[in-house]
Amino acid sequence: MICSLYIHIPFCASFCDYCDFYSVGAEGGSAVDRRLDAYVDAVLADIKHQFEFFDVKEISTAYIGGGTPSVLGARRIRRLLGGLNSLPGFSPCEFTIEANPESAAEDFLTACRESGVNRISLGVQSFHEPSRRLVNRAGGAGILEERLALVSRIFPGAFSADLITGLPLQTEGVVLNDIEKLLAFNPAHVSLYSLTVEGETPLGRKIKTRTLSLPDRDEADVQWIAGRDALENAGYEQYEVSNFAFPGKQCRHNTAYWQMKSWLGAGPAASGTVVDEKSAAAKRFTFPADVDAYLKEPSLRSADCEELDRAALMRESLLMGFRYCNGPDPQLFRQRFGCTIEDCIPQTTARWRERGFFNGNNPTQSLMLFLNSFLSEAFLELKI
């Protein structure tokens, strides 16, 4: 099997108020150090087991996310990457690791580069200090430019950065200033996210109790669109709902998700999906969000498994594929399901084509702004 690999590092030095990804604290001295060391051993054992179980012949892309992978430090990341590189078939053409500016030290970045990582994803979010403080974003804005300069020197033309719009106290001017500062370091790829408030996060509770307010929905949309236009004017192409890149610099790993290709997942809260193209079905496995349980049993035996039948895989192929600028891969879709997308949702595509959201069979960029409405209609009609 040829597939991608995602590794979750569920440790953070501090917690942003808006984040709902699974993570645990990574501060506390020698006990935490031992736990981080044990985690590297566990995740390598898990991946080795998955390679054998799924008969993996080749890893096409790899992505280490979190959490905050950079809290592992240079020594542990060298050990993790060394273990991966020793596995038969591990030779990804794209190998990304996420880092936060406050822990993206030079020795960590150098260890990544020397161990085969060829892409860094840096969590910038915003340069606006008041906004950062109100959502408890770690690290002051002052360190951002220093670390961006470091990343651009060690990974020239091979790094991505995240920005968020709709944060407290943000305005359109603040967002455009964030983009101007970021682009001075020439990232190859930029993710521009609109803040989503999850109810059970600290930010969600503050909004509910009205102890903190955000820009209203219309203002947040104006901010995001202004940011999109600024990125496109600077030569970045929008290729997914929230992602922009110079030509040829799109994230290949995330594209595998959007096109619903097979990937393995390792670590607590991580999931993998293995597609059987012959039957147009898939198996999904998800590890419980419990690092202690994972350390005790780092293998598929501790994961929850789910069967995706043809109908479920088709829905997910549409759901994920239409996040992509060109829509689902039409050739892959037809090979997998024995029909075209138009065969499945003819009335929906016809209506949206009349409204100007399709050019022939290809979605236009403007469809991304109304994607939820389009998919709602598509799933009501979907013929399986």
Protein backbone atom coordinates (compact mmCIF):
# COMPACT_ATOMS: atom_id res chain seq x y z
CA MET A 1 0.00 0.00 0.00
CA ILE A 2 1.11 3.56 -0.78
CA CYS A 3 -0.26 6.12 1.68
CA SER A 4 0.42 9.25 3.72
CA LEU A 5 1.28 9.38 7.43
CA TYR A 6 0.11 11.78 10.12
CA ILE A 7 1.71 11.81 13.59
CA HIS A 8 0.06 13.68 16.46
CA ILE A 9 2.26 15.19 19.17
CA PRO A 10 -0.26 15.93 21.96
CA PHE A 11 1.88 18.24 24.10
CA CYS A 12 1.77 22.01 24.54
CA ALA A 13 3.66 24.36 26.81
CA SER A 14 0.47 26.46 27.15
CA PHE A 15 -3.04 26.37 25.75
CA CYS A 16 -4.71 28.87 23.41
CA ASP A 17 -8.26 29.71 24.44
CA TYR A 18 -9.73 28.88 21.02
CA CYS A 19 -8.06 25.49 20.50
CA ASP A 20 -10.09 22.27 20.73
CA PHE A 21 -7.38 19.86 19.54
CA TYR A 22 -6.38 17.25 22.07
CA SER A 23 -3.26 18.23 24.00
CA VAL A 24 -1.75 17.97 27.47
CA GLY A 25 0.77 20.06 29.38
CA ALA A 26 4.47 19.83 28.59
CA GLU A 27 5.86 21.76 31.55
CA GLY A 28 6.96 20.24 34.84
CA GLY A 29 10.58 19.10 34.83
CA SER A 30 12.01 15.58 34.82
CA ALA A 31 8.67 13.74 35.02
CA VAL A 32 7.47 15.46 31.85
CA ASP A 33 10.83 14.80 30.19
CA ARG A 34 10.46 11.09 30.86
CA ARG A 35 6.93 11.19 29.50
CA LEU A 36 8.09 12.88 26.28
CA ASP A 37 10.86 10.30 25.88
CA ALA A 38 8.35 7.49 26.42
CA TYR A 39 6.02 9.07 23.88
CA VAL A 40 8.67 9.03 21.15
CA ASP A 41 9.23 5.31 21.85
CA ALA A 42 5.48 4.64 21.81
CA VAL A 43 4.72 6.44 18.56
CA LEU A 44 7.59 4.71 16.77
CA ALA A 45 6.34 1.32 17.99
CA ASP A 46 2.82 2.19 16.82
CA ILE A 47 3.98 3.24 13.35
CA LYS A 48 6.13 0.13 12.94
CA HIS A 49 3.10 -2.01 13.83
CA GLN A 50 0.89 -0.14 11.35
CA PHE A 51 3.46 -0.54 8.58
CA GLU A 52 3.41 -4.28 9.12
CA PHE A 53 -0.37 -4.56 9.60
CA PHE A 54 -1.23 -2.60 6.43
CA ASP A 55 1.74 -3.90 4.43
CA VAL A 56 2.96 -0.36 3.70
CA LYS A 57 5.26 -0.21 0.70
CA GLU A 58 5.71 3.52 0.50
CA ILE A 59 4.91 6.68 2.46
CA SER A 60 4.22 9.43 -0.06
CA THR A 61 3.86 12.35 2.39
CA ALA A 62 4.32 12.74 6.14
CA TYR A 63 3.07 15.40 8.54
CA ILE A 64 3.83 15.83 12.24
CA GLY A 65 1.25 18.06 13.94
CA GLY A 66 -0.17 18.74 17.34
CA GLY A 67 -0.30 19.99 19.93
CA THR A 68 3.10 21.55 19.53
CA PRO A 69 5.67 19.20 17.99
CA SER A 70 8.47 21.70 18.61
CA VAL A 71 8.18 21.16 22.39
CA LEU A 72 9.96 17.84 21.80
CA GLY A 73 13.19 19.78 21.32
CA ALA A 74 16.15 18.90 19.11
CA ARG A 75 17.23 15.68 20.85
CA ARG A 76 13.84 13.99 20.79
CA ILE A 77 12.96 15.13 17.28
CA ARG A 78 16.23 13.66 16.00
CA ARG A 79 15.35 10.36 17.66
CA LEU A 80 11.81 10.36 16.28
CA LEU A 81 12.92 11.27 12.77
CA GLY A 82 15.79 8.80 12.89
CA GLY A 83 13.35 6.03 13.81
CA LEU A 84 11.04 6.99 10.94
CA ASN A 85 13.87 7.13 8.43
CA SER A 86 14.91 3.59 9.38
CA LEU A 87 11.53 2.16 8.32
CA PRO A 88 11.43 0.47 4.90
CA GLY A 89 9.35 2.55 2.51
CA PHE A 90 9.62 5.78 4.49
CA SER A 91 10.77 8.24 1.83
CA PRO A 92 8.13 10.99 1.66
CA CYS A 93 8.45 13.53 -1.12
CA GLU A 94 6.97 16.08 1.27
CA PHE A 95 7.70 15.92 5.01
CA THR A 96 6.14 18.67 7.14
CA ILE A 97 6.43 19.44 10.84
CA GLU A 98 4.49 22.07 12.73
CA ALA A 99 6.23 24.45 15.11
CA ASN A 100 5.25 27.34 17.32
CA PRO A 101 7.53 30.39 17.23
CA GLU A 102 8.36 30.31 20.95
CA SER A 103 9.76 26.77 20.73
CA ALA A 104 11.09 26.82 17.16
CA ALA A 105 14.70 27.22 18.27
CA GLU A 106 17.60 26.98 15.83
CA ASP A 107 18.78 23.59 17.09
CA PHE A 108 15.27 22.14 16.66
CA LEU A 109 14.91 23.50 13.12
CA THR A 110 18.41 22.33 12.17
CA ALA A 111 17.66 18.85 13.52
CA CYS A 112 14.51 18.74 11.39
CA ARG A 113 16.35 19.84 8.27
CA GLU A 114 19.21 17.40 8.76
CA SER A 115 16.78 14.52 9.38
CA GLY A 116 14.78 14.84 6.19
CA VAL A 117 12.02 17.34 7.00
CA ASN A 118 11.62 19.59 3.96
CA ARG A 119 8.72 21.80 5.03
CA ILE A 120 7.92 23.74 8.21
CA SER A 121 4.46 24.99 9.19
CA LEU A 122 4.75 27.88 11.65
CA GLY A 123 1.84 28.98 13.83
CA VAL A 124 1.98 32.77 13.60
CA GLN A 125 -1.77 33.54 13.95
CA SER A 126 -1.32 37.31 14.39
CA PHE A 127 1.34 39.94 15.08
CA HIS A 128 -1.24 42.03 16.97
CA GLU A 129 -0.24 41.77 20.63
CA PRO A 130 -3.62 42.81 22.16
CA SER A 131 -5.43 40.14 20.13
CA ARG A 132 -2.85 37.49 21.05
CA ARG A 133 -3.15 38.24 24.77
CA LEU A 134 -6.95 38.05 24.75
CA VAL A 135 -6.89 34.48 23.39
CA ASN A 136 -3.92 33.42 25.54
CA ARG A 137 -1.65 32.84 22.54
CA ALA A 138 1.77 31.79 23.82
CA GLY A 139 4.81 33.92 23.09
CA GLY A 140 4.85 37.65 22.55
CA ALA A 141 4.50 39.20 19.11
CA GLY A 142 8.08 40.42 19.42
CA ILE A 143 9.52 36.94 18.87
CA LEU A 144 7.60 36.31 15.64
CA GLU A 145 9.81 38.26 13.26
CA GLU A 146 12.96 36.81 14.82
CA ARG A 147 11.70 33.23 14.37
CA LEU A 148 10.31 33.88 10.90
CA ALA A 149 13.74 35.12 9.85
CA LEU A 150 15.28 31.96 11.32
CA VAL A 151 12.80 29.64 9.60
CA SER A 152 13.21 31.39 6.25
CA ARG A 153 16.98 30.99 6.51
CA ILE A 154 16.94 27.28 7.39
CA PHE A 155 13.95 26.40 5.15
CA PRO A 156 14.15 28.96 2.32
CA GLY A 157 11.10 28.79 0.07
CA ALA A 158 9.84 25.74 1.98
CA PHE A 159 7.75 26.97 4.87
CA SER A 160 4.13 27.75 5.55
CA ALA A 161 2.58 30.07 8.12
CA ASP A 162 -0.88 30.22 9.69
CA LEU A 163 -2.88 33.41 10.23
CA ILE A 164 -6.30 33.81 11.86
CA THR A 165 -8.94 36.46 11.20
CA GLY A 166 -11.86 37.37 13.47
CA LEU A 167 -9.81 37.52 16.69
CA PRO A 168 -10.73 39.94 19.49
CA LEU A 169 -9.80 43.54 18.64
CA GLN A 170 -8.88 42.63 15.08
CA THR A 171 -9.89 44.95 12.26
CA GLU A 172 -9.40 44.77 8.53
CA GLY A 173 -6.37 47.01 8.94
CA VAL A 174 -4.86 44.70 11.56
CA VAL A 175 -5.30 41.68 9.26
CA LEU A 176 -3.70 43.47 6.31
CA ASN A 177 -0.81 44.55 8.54
CA ASP A 178 -0.36 40.93 9.67
CA ILE A 179 -0.17 39.81 6.05
CA GLU A 180 2.27 42.56 5.10
CA LYS A 181 4.61 41.61 7.96
CA LEU A 182 4.37 37.91 7.19
CA LEU A 183 5.02 38.26 3.46
CA ALA A 184 8.27 40.11 4.14
CA PHE A 185 9.68 36.65 4.96
CA ASN A 186 8.48 35.09 1.68
CA PRO A 187 6.58 32.02 2.90
CA ALA A 188 5.75 29.60 0.07
CA HIS A 189 2.35 28.83 1.59
CA VAL A 190 -0.11 30.67 3.84
CA SER A 191 -3.13 29.27 5.67
CA LEU A 192 -5.69 31.99 6.38
CA TYR A 193 -8.30 30.74 8.83
CA SER A 194 -11.45 32.43 10.03
CA LEU A 195 -11.74 31.94 13.79
CA THR A 196 -14.21 29.22 14.74
CA VAL A 197 -15.49 29.32 18.32
CA GLU A 198 -16.03 25.89 19.84
CA GLY A 199 -18.46 25.93 22.76
CA GLU A 200 -16.42 23.93 25.28
CA THR A 201 -13.19 25.89 24.86
CA PRO A 202 -12.19 28.72 27.23
CA LEU A 203 -12.94 31.19 24.42
CA GLY A 204 -16.37 29.64 23.88
CA ARG A 205 -17.18 30.02 27.57
CA LYS A 206 -16.00 33.66 27.58
CA ILE A 207 -18.20 34.45 24.60
CA LYS A 208 -21.16 32.70 26.20
CA THR A 209 -20.76 34.65 29.46
CA ARG A 210 -20.07 37.87 27.52
CA THR A 211 -16.75 38.45 29.24
CA LEU A 212 -15.16 38.78 25.79
CA SER A 213 -16.50 39.84 22.41
CA LEU A 214 -15.41 39.16 18.85
CA PRO A 215 -15.90 41.06 15.60
CA ASP A 216 -19.40 40.29 14.31
CA ARG A 217 -19.84 37.75 11.53
CA ASP A 218 -20.02 40.33 8.75
CA GLU A 219 -16.89 42.11 9.96
CA ALA A 220 -15.03 38.81 10.30
CA ASP A 221 -16.02 37.93 6.72
CA VAL A 222 -14.79 41.32 5.49
CA GLN A 223 -11.47 40.72 7.26
CA TRP A 224 -11.01 37.29 5.70
CA ILE A 225 -11.91 38.45 2.18
CA ALA A 226 -9.53 41.42 2.50
CA GLY A 227 -6.81 38.99 3.57
CA ARG A 228 -7.58 36.67 0.66
CA ASP A 229 -7.38 39.55 -1.81
CA ALA A 230 -4.05 40.71 -0.35
CA LEU A 231 -2.56 37.24 -0.68
CA GLU A 232 -3.77 36.85 -4.25
CA ASN A 233 -2.41 40.29 -5.16
CA ALA A 234 0.96 39.10 -3.81
CA GLY A 235 0.98 36.10 -6.16
CA TYR A 236 -0.50 33.39 -3.92
CA GLU A 237 -3.17 31.17 -5.41
CA GLN A 238 -6.13 29.99 -3.36
CA TYR A 239 -6.27 26.23 -3.87
CA GLU A 240 -8.47 25.25 -0.90
CA VAL A 241 -10.99 26.99 1.36
CA SER A 242 -8.33 28.37 3.73
CA ASN A 243 -5.06 27.72 1.91
CA PHE A 244 -2.93 29.77 -0.47
CA ALA A 245 0.38 28.98 -2.10
CA PHE A 246 2.81 30.03 -4.77
CA PRO A 247 2.45 27.86 -7.90
CA GLY A 248 3.78 24.38 -7.22
CA LYS A 249 3.93 24.92 -3.44
CA GLN A 250 0.54 23.49 -2.42
CA CYS A 251 0.61 21.17 0.59
CA ARG A 252 0.65 17.68 -0.92
CA HIS A 253 -0.12 15.99 2.39
CA ASN A 254 -3.33 17.90 3.05
CA THR A 255 -4.34 17.36 -0.57
CA ALA A 256 -4.37 13.63 0.18
CA TYR A 257 -7.06 14.32 2.83
CA TRP A 258 -9.12 16.52 0.51
CA GLN A 259 -9.03 13.91 -2.22
CA MET A 260 -9.79 11.12 0.30
CA LYS A 261 -6.70 9.05 -0.39
CA SER A 262 -5.35 6.60 2.20
CA TRP A 263 -3.43 7.82 5.22
CA LEU A 264 -2.23 6.35 8.50
CA GLY A 265 -2.55 8.20 11.79
CA ALA A 266 -0.46 7.71 14.94
CA GLY A 267 -0.91 9.17 18.41
CA PRO A 268 -3.82 9.87 20.77
CA ALA A 269 -6.78 11.50 18.97
CA ALA A 270 -5.17 10.74 15.60
CA SER A 271 -7.11 8.86 12.96
CA GLY A 272 -6.27 7.07 9.75
CA THR A 273 -8.37 6.05 6.76
CA VAL A 274 -7.42 3.17 4.47
CA VAL A 275 -9.38 3.05 1.22
CA ASP A 276 -10.08 -0.15 -0.70
CA GLU A 277 -10.46 1.15 -4.25
CA LYS A 278 -11.87 -2.15 -5.54
CA SER A 279 -14.86 -2.12 -3.20
CA ALA A 280 -15.21 1.69 -2.90
CA ALA A 281 -15.16 1.32 0.88
CA ALA A 282 -12.73 2.23 3.63
CA LYS A 283 -11.67 1.45 7.17
CA ARG A 284 -11.12 4.27 9.63
CA PHE A 285 -9.35 3.91 12.93
CA THR A 286 -9.18 6.56 15.64
CA PHE A 287 -7.12 6.49 18.81
CA PRO A 288 -8.78 7.67 22.04
CA ALA A 289 -7.79 11.16 23.17
CA ASP A 290 -5.82 9.79 26.13
CA VAL A 291 -2.04 9.97 26.14
CA ASP A 292 -1.69 7.67 29.17
CA ALA A 293 -3.76 4.96 27.50
CA TYR A 294 -1.70 5.35 24.34
CA LEU A 295 1.56 4.98 26.24
CA LYS A 296 0.28 1.69 27.66
CA GLU A 297 -0.98 0.31 24.34
CA PRO A 298 0.49 2.15 21.32
CA SER A 299 -1.06 -0.03 18.65
CA LEU A 300 -4.22 -0.47 16.59
CA ARG A 301 -5.57 -2.75 19.33
CA SER A 302 -6.44 0.37 21.34
CA ALA A 303 -8.06 2.25 18.42
CA ASP A 304 -11.74 2.52 17.62
CA CYS A 305 -12.45 1.13 14.15
CA GLU A 306 -15.23 2.18 11.76
CA GLU A 307 -16.30 0.79 8.40
CA LEU A 308 -17.08 3.36 5.70
CA ASP A 309 -19.34 1.76 3.11
CA ARG A 310 -19.72 3.05 -0.44
CA ALA A 311 -22.34 5.64 0.55
CA ALA A 312 -20.29 7.02 3.45
CA LEU A 313 -17.10 7.17 1.38
CA MET A 314 -18.93 8.95 -1.43
CA ARG A 315 -20.32 11.58 0.95
CA GLU A 316 -16.88 12.18 2.44
CA SER A 317 -15.29 12.32 -1.01
CA LEU A 318 -17.70 15.13 -1.92
CA LEU A 319 -17.43 16.86 1.46
CA MET A 320 -13.64 16.95 1.39
CA GLY A 321 -13.18 17.23 -2.37
CA PHE A 322 -15.22 20.39 -2.75
CA ARG A 323 -12.96 22.13 -0.25
CA TYR A 324 -10.36 21.91 -3.01
CA CYS A 325 -10.36 24.64 -5.67
CA ASN A 326 -10.91 22.21 -8.56
CA GLY A 327 -13.34 20.02 -6.66
CA PRO A 328 -13.00 16.25 -6.21
CA ASP A 329 -10.61 14.53 -8.61
CA PRO A 330 -13.08 13.49 -11.37
CA GLN A 331 -10.98 10.59 -12.62
CA LEU A 332 -10.44 9.16 -9.13
CA PHE A 333 -14.14 9.64 -8.30
CA ARG A 334 -15.24 7.77 -11.43
CA GLN A 335 -12.71 4.97 -10.96
CA ARG A 336 -13.73 4.57 -7.34
CA PHE A 337 -17.52 4.76 -7.63
CA GLY A 338 -18.23 3.90 -11.27
CA CYS A 339 -20.09 7.16 -11.88
CA THR A 340 -19.40 10.86 -12.30
CA ILE A 341 -20.13 13.58 -9.76
CA GLU A 342 -22.82 14.92 -12.09
CA ASP A 343 -24.46 11.49 -12.11
CA CYS A 344 -24.81 11.70 -8.32
CA ILE A 345 -25.99 15.30 -7.90
CA PRO A 346 -27.28 16.46 -11.33
CA GLN A 347 -29.90 18.92 -10.07
CA THR A 348 -27.59 20.55 -7.55
CA THR A 349 -24.77 21.05 -10.03
CA ALA A 350 -27.24 22.38 -12.63
CA ARG A 351 -28.70 24.93 -10.20
CA TRP A 352 -25.32 26.14 -9.05
CA ARG A 353 -24.01 26.25 -12.63
CA GLU A 354 -26.91 28.54 -13.57
CA ARG A 355 -25.93 30.80 -10.66
CA GLY A 356 -22.38 31.04 -12.01
CA PHE A 357 -20.65 28.80 -9.47
CA PHE A 358 -19.49 26.22 -12.02
CA ASN A 359 -17.54 26.71 -15.21
CA GLY A 360 -18.50 23.61 -17.14
CA ASN A 361 -17.94 20.80 -14.64
CA ASN A 362 -15.37 22.73 -12.61
CA PRO A 363 -16.35 24.75 -9.52
CA THR A 364 -15.39 28.43 -9.53
CA GLN A 365 -13.46 30.03 -6.69
CA SER A 366 -16.61 31.78 -5.46
CA LEU A 367 -18.22 28.43 -4.62
CA MET A 368 -15.89 28.18 -1.60
CA LEU A 369 -17.67 31.14 0.01
CA PHE A 370 -20.98 29.26 -0.11
CA LEU A 371 -19.70 25.74 0.33
CA ASN A 372 -21.93 24.77 3.27
CA SER A 373 -25.07 25.70 1.34
CA PHE A 374 -23.92 23.84 -1.76
CA LEU A 375 -23.06 20.68 0.19
CA SER A 376 -26.37 20.79 2.09
CA GLU A 377 -28.23 20.74 -1.21
CA ALA A 378 -25.93 18.10 -2.65
CA PHE A 379 -26.41 15.69 0.24
CA LEU A 380 -30.20 16.07 0.10
CA GLU A 381 -30.11 15.01 -3.54
CA LEU A 382 -27.23 12.54 -3.48
CA LYS A 383 -27.98 9.42 -5.48
CA ILE A 384 -25.99 6.38 -4.39
